[in-house]
């Protein structure tokens, strides 16, 4: 992201999906692992929507996600 755009976004909430994506990509990351669902092996991803921005988190592999996504998955019981 350009320095000019970073200045204009500082101190205000993102308004577009693209701005939300940039905002979450700048956030602190956490490495998580969502186990494979033994009862539903075709369930390969867990969708997580944060302010209209959707993450497709793959099961059975360690992935890096913004802390807010990890928190949502923890609260929903997908990870501990």
C-alpha atoms as a PDB file:
ATOM      1  CA  UNK A   1       0.000   0.000   0.000  1.00  0.00           C
ATOM      2  CA  UNK A   2       1.264   3.476  -0.812  1.00  0.00           C
ATOM      3  CA  UNK A   3       2.364   5.779   1.989  1.00  0.00           C
ATOM      4  CA  UNK A   4      -0.257   8.314   0.860  1.00  0.00           C
ATOM      5  CA  UNK A   5      -3.085   5.776   1.124  1.00  0.00           C
ATOM      6  CA  UNK A   6      -1.749   4.582   4.489  1.00  0.00           C
ATOM      7  CA  UNK A   7      -1.893   8.189   5.750  1.00  0.00           C
ATOM      8  CA  UNK A   8      -5.483   8.638   4.606  1.00  0.00           C
ATOM      9  CA  UNK A   9      -6.571   5.352   6.250  1.00  0.00           C
ATOM     10  CA  UNK A  10      -4.862   6.126   9.563  1.00  0.00           C
ATOM     11  CA  UNK A  11      -7.433   6.854  12.225  1.00  0.00           C
ATOM     12  CA  UNK A  12     -10.528   5.943  10.197  1.00  0.00           C
ATOM     13  CA  UNK A  13     -12.395   2.723   9.626  1.00  0.00           C
ATOM     14  CA  UNK A  14     -12.175   1.036   6.221  1.00  0.00           C
ATOM     15  CA  UNK A  15     -15.207   1.590   3.999  1.00  0.00           C
ATOM     16  CA  UNK A  16     -14.769  -0.816   1.065  1.00  0.00           C
ATOM     17  CA  UNK A  17     -14.086  -4.551   0.895  1.00  0.00           C
ATOM     18  CA  UNK A  18     -10.641  -3.798  -0.547  1.00  0.00           C
ATOM     19  CA  UNK A  19      -9.857  -1.472   2.370  1.00  0.00           C
ATOM     20  CA  UNK A  20     -11.058  -4.118   4.861  1.00  0.00           C
ATOM     21  CA  UNK A  21      -8.752  -6.654   3.186  1.00  0.00           C
ATOM     22  CA  UNK A  22      -5.797  -4.294   3.502  1.00  0.00           C
ATOM     23  CA  UNK A  23      -6.731  -3.524   7.113  1.00  0.00           C
ATOM     24  CA  UNK A  24      -6.847  -7.201   8.129  1.00  0.00           C
ATOM     25  CA  UNK A  25      -3.676  -8.028   6.187  1.00  0.00           C
ATOM     26  CA  UNK A  26      -1.830  -5.452   8.324  1.00  0.00           C
ATOM     27  CA  UNK A  27      -3.080  -6.971  11.588  1.00  0.00           C
ATOM     28  CA  UNK A  28      -1.033  -9.260  13.833  1.00  0.00           C
ATOM     29  CA  UNK A  29      -1.197 -12.886  12.624  1.00  0.00           C
ATOM     30  CA  UNK A  30      -1.650 -16.164  14.477  1.00  0.00           C
ATOM     31  CA  UNK A  31      -0.856 -19.673  13.214  1.00  0.00           C
ATOM     32  CA  UNK A  32      -3.767 -22.049  13.765  1.00  0.00           C
ATOM     33  CA  UNK A  33      -4.814 -25.584  12.885  1.00  0.00           C
ATOM     34  CA  UNK A  34      -8.465 -26.551  12.451  1.00  0.00           C
ATOM     35  CA  UNK A  35      -8.729 -30.348  12.642  1.00  0.00           C
ATOM     36  CA  UNK A  36     -10.269 -32.358   9.814  1.00  0.00           C
ATOM     37  CA  UNK A  37     -13.925 -33.186  10.539  1.00  0.00           C
ATOM     38  CA  UNK A  38     -13.932 -37.000  10.831  1.00  0.00           C
ATOM     39  CA  UNK A  39     -17.704 -37.169  10.339  1.00  0.00           C
ATOM     40  CA  UNK A  40     -17.645 -34.983   7.236  1.00  0.00           C
ATOM     41  CA  UNK A  41     -14.380 -35.453   5.341  1.00  0.00           C
ATOM     42  CA  UNK A  42     -15.623 -33.343   2.410  1.00  0.00           C
ATOM     43  CA  UNK A  43     -15.760 -30.291   4.701  1.00  0.00           C
ATOM     44  CA  UNK A  44     -12.329 -28.916   3.726  1.00  0.00           C
ATOM     45  CA  UNK A  45     -12.683 -25.251   4.739  1.00  0.00           C
ATOM     46  CA  UNK A  46     -14.323 -23.188   7.447  1.00  0.00           C
ATOM     47  CA  UNK A  47     -15.622 -19.807   6.241  1.00  0.00           C
ATOM     48  CA  UNK A  48     -15.152 -16.872   8.605  1.00  0.00           C
ATOM     49  CA  UNK A  49     -16.756 -13.523   7.803  1.00  0.00           C
ATOM     50  CA  UNK A  50     -15.456 -10.369   9.486  1.00  0.00           C
ATOM     51  CA  UNK A  51     -17.187  -7.116   8.536  1.00  0.00           C
ATOM     52  CA  UNK A  52     -18.095  -8.531   5.141  1.00  0.00           C
ATOM     53  CA  UNK A  53     -14.589  -9.826   4.412  1.00  0.00           C
ATOM     54  CA  UNK A  54     -14.620 -13.640   4.090  1.00  0.00           C
ATOM     55  CA  UNK A  55     -11.733 -15.924   4.972  1.00  0.00           C
ATOM     56  CA  UNK A  56     -11.780 -19.562   3.811  1.00  0.00           C
ATOM     57  CA  UNK A  57      -9.667 -21.335   6.442  1.00  0.00           C
ATOM     58  CA  UNK A  58      -8.429 -24.751   5.340  1.00  0.00           C
ATOM     59  CA  UNK A  59      -8.845 -27.722   7.688  1.00  0.00           C
ATOM     60  CA  UNK A  60      -5.975 -30.068   8.517  1.00  0.00           C
ATOM     61  CA  UNK A  61      -3.156 -27.606   7.728  1.00  0.00           C
ATOM     62  CA  UNK A  62      -1.419 -24.951   9.766  1.00  0.00           C
ATOM     63  CA  UNK A  63      -2.420 -21.563   8.389  1.00  0.00           C
ATOM     64  CA  UNK A  64      -1.683 -17.981   9.360  1.00  0.00           C
ATOM     65  CA  UNK A  65      -4.724 -15.764   9.924  1.00  0.00           C
ATOM     66  CA  UNK A  66      -5.351 -12.359  11.497  1.00  0.00           C
ATOM     67  CA  UNK A  67      -5.833 -12.565  15.263  1.00  0.00           C
ATOM     68  CA  UNK A  68      -9.486 -11.515  14.926  1.00  0.00           C
ATOM     69  CA  UNK A  69     -10.166 -14.576  12.715  1.00  0.00           C
ATOM     70  CA  UNK A  70      -8.455 -16.885  15.218  1.00  0.00           C
ATOM     71  CA  UNK A  71     -10.529 -15.348  18.014  1.00  0.00           C
ATOM     72  CA  UNK A  72     -13.780 -16.002  16.125  1.00  0.00           C
ATOM     73  CA  UNK A  73     -12.764 -19.624  15.472  1.00  0.00           C
ATOM     74  CA  UNK A  74     -11.775 -20.066  19.139  1.00  0.00           C
ATOM     75  CA  UNK A  75     -15.106 -18.656  20.346  1.00  0.00           C
ATOM     76  CA  UNK A  76     -16.956 -20.973  17.939  1.00  0.00           C
ATOM     77  CA  UNK A  77     -15.081 -24.014  19.287  1.00  0.00           C
ATOM     78  CA  UNK A  78     -13.092 -24.834  16.135  1.00  0.00           C
ATOM     79  CA  UNK A  79      -9.709 -24.305  17.868  1.00  0.00           C
ATOM     80  CA  UNK A  80      -8.578 -24.115  21.476  1.00  0.00           C
END
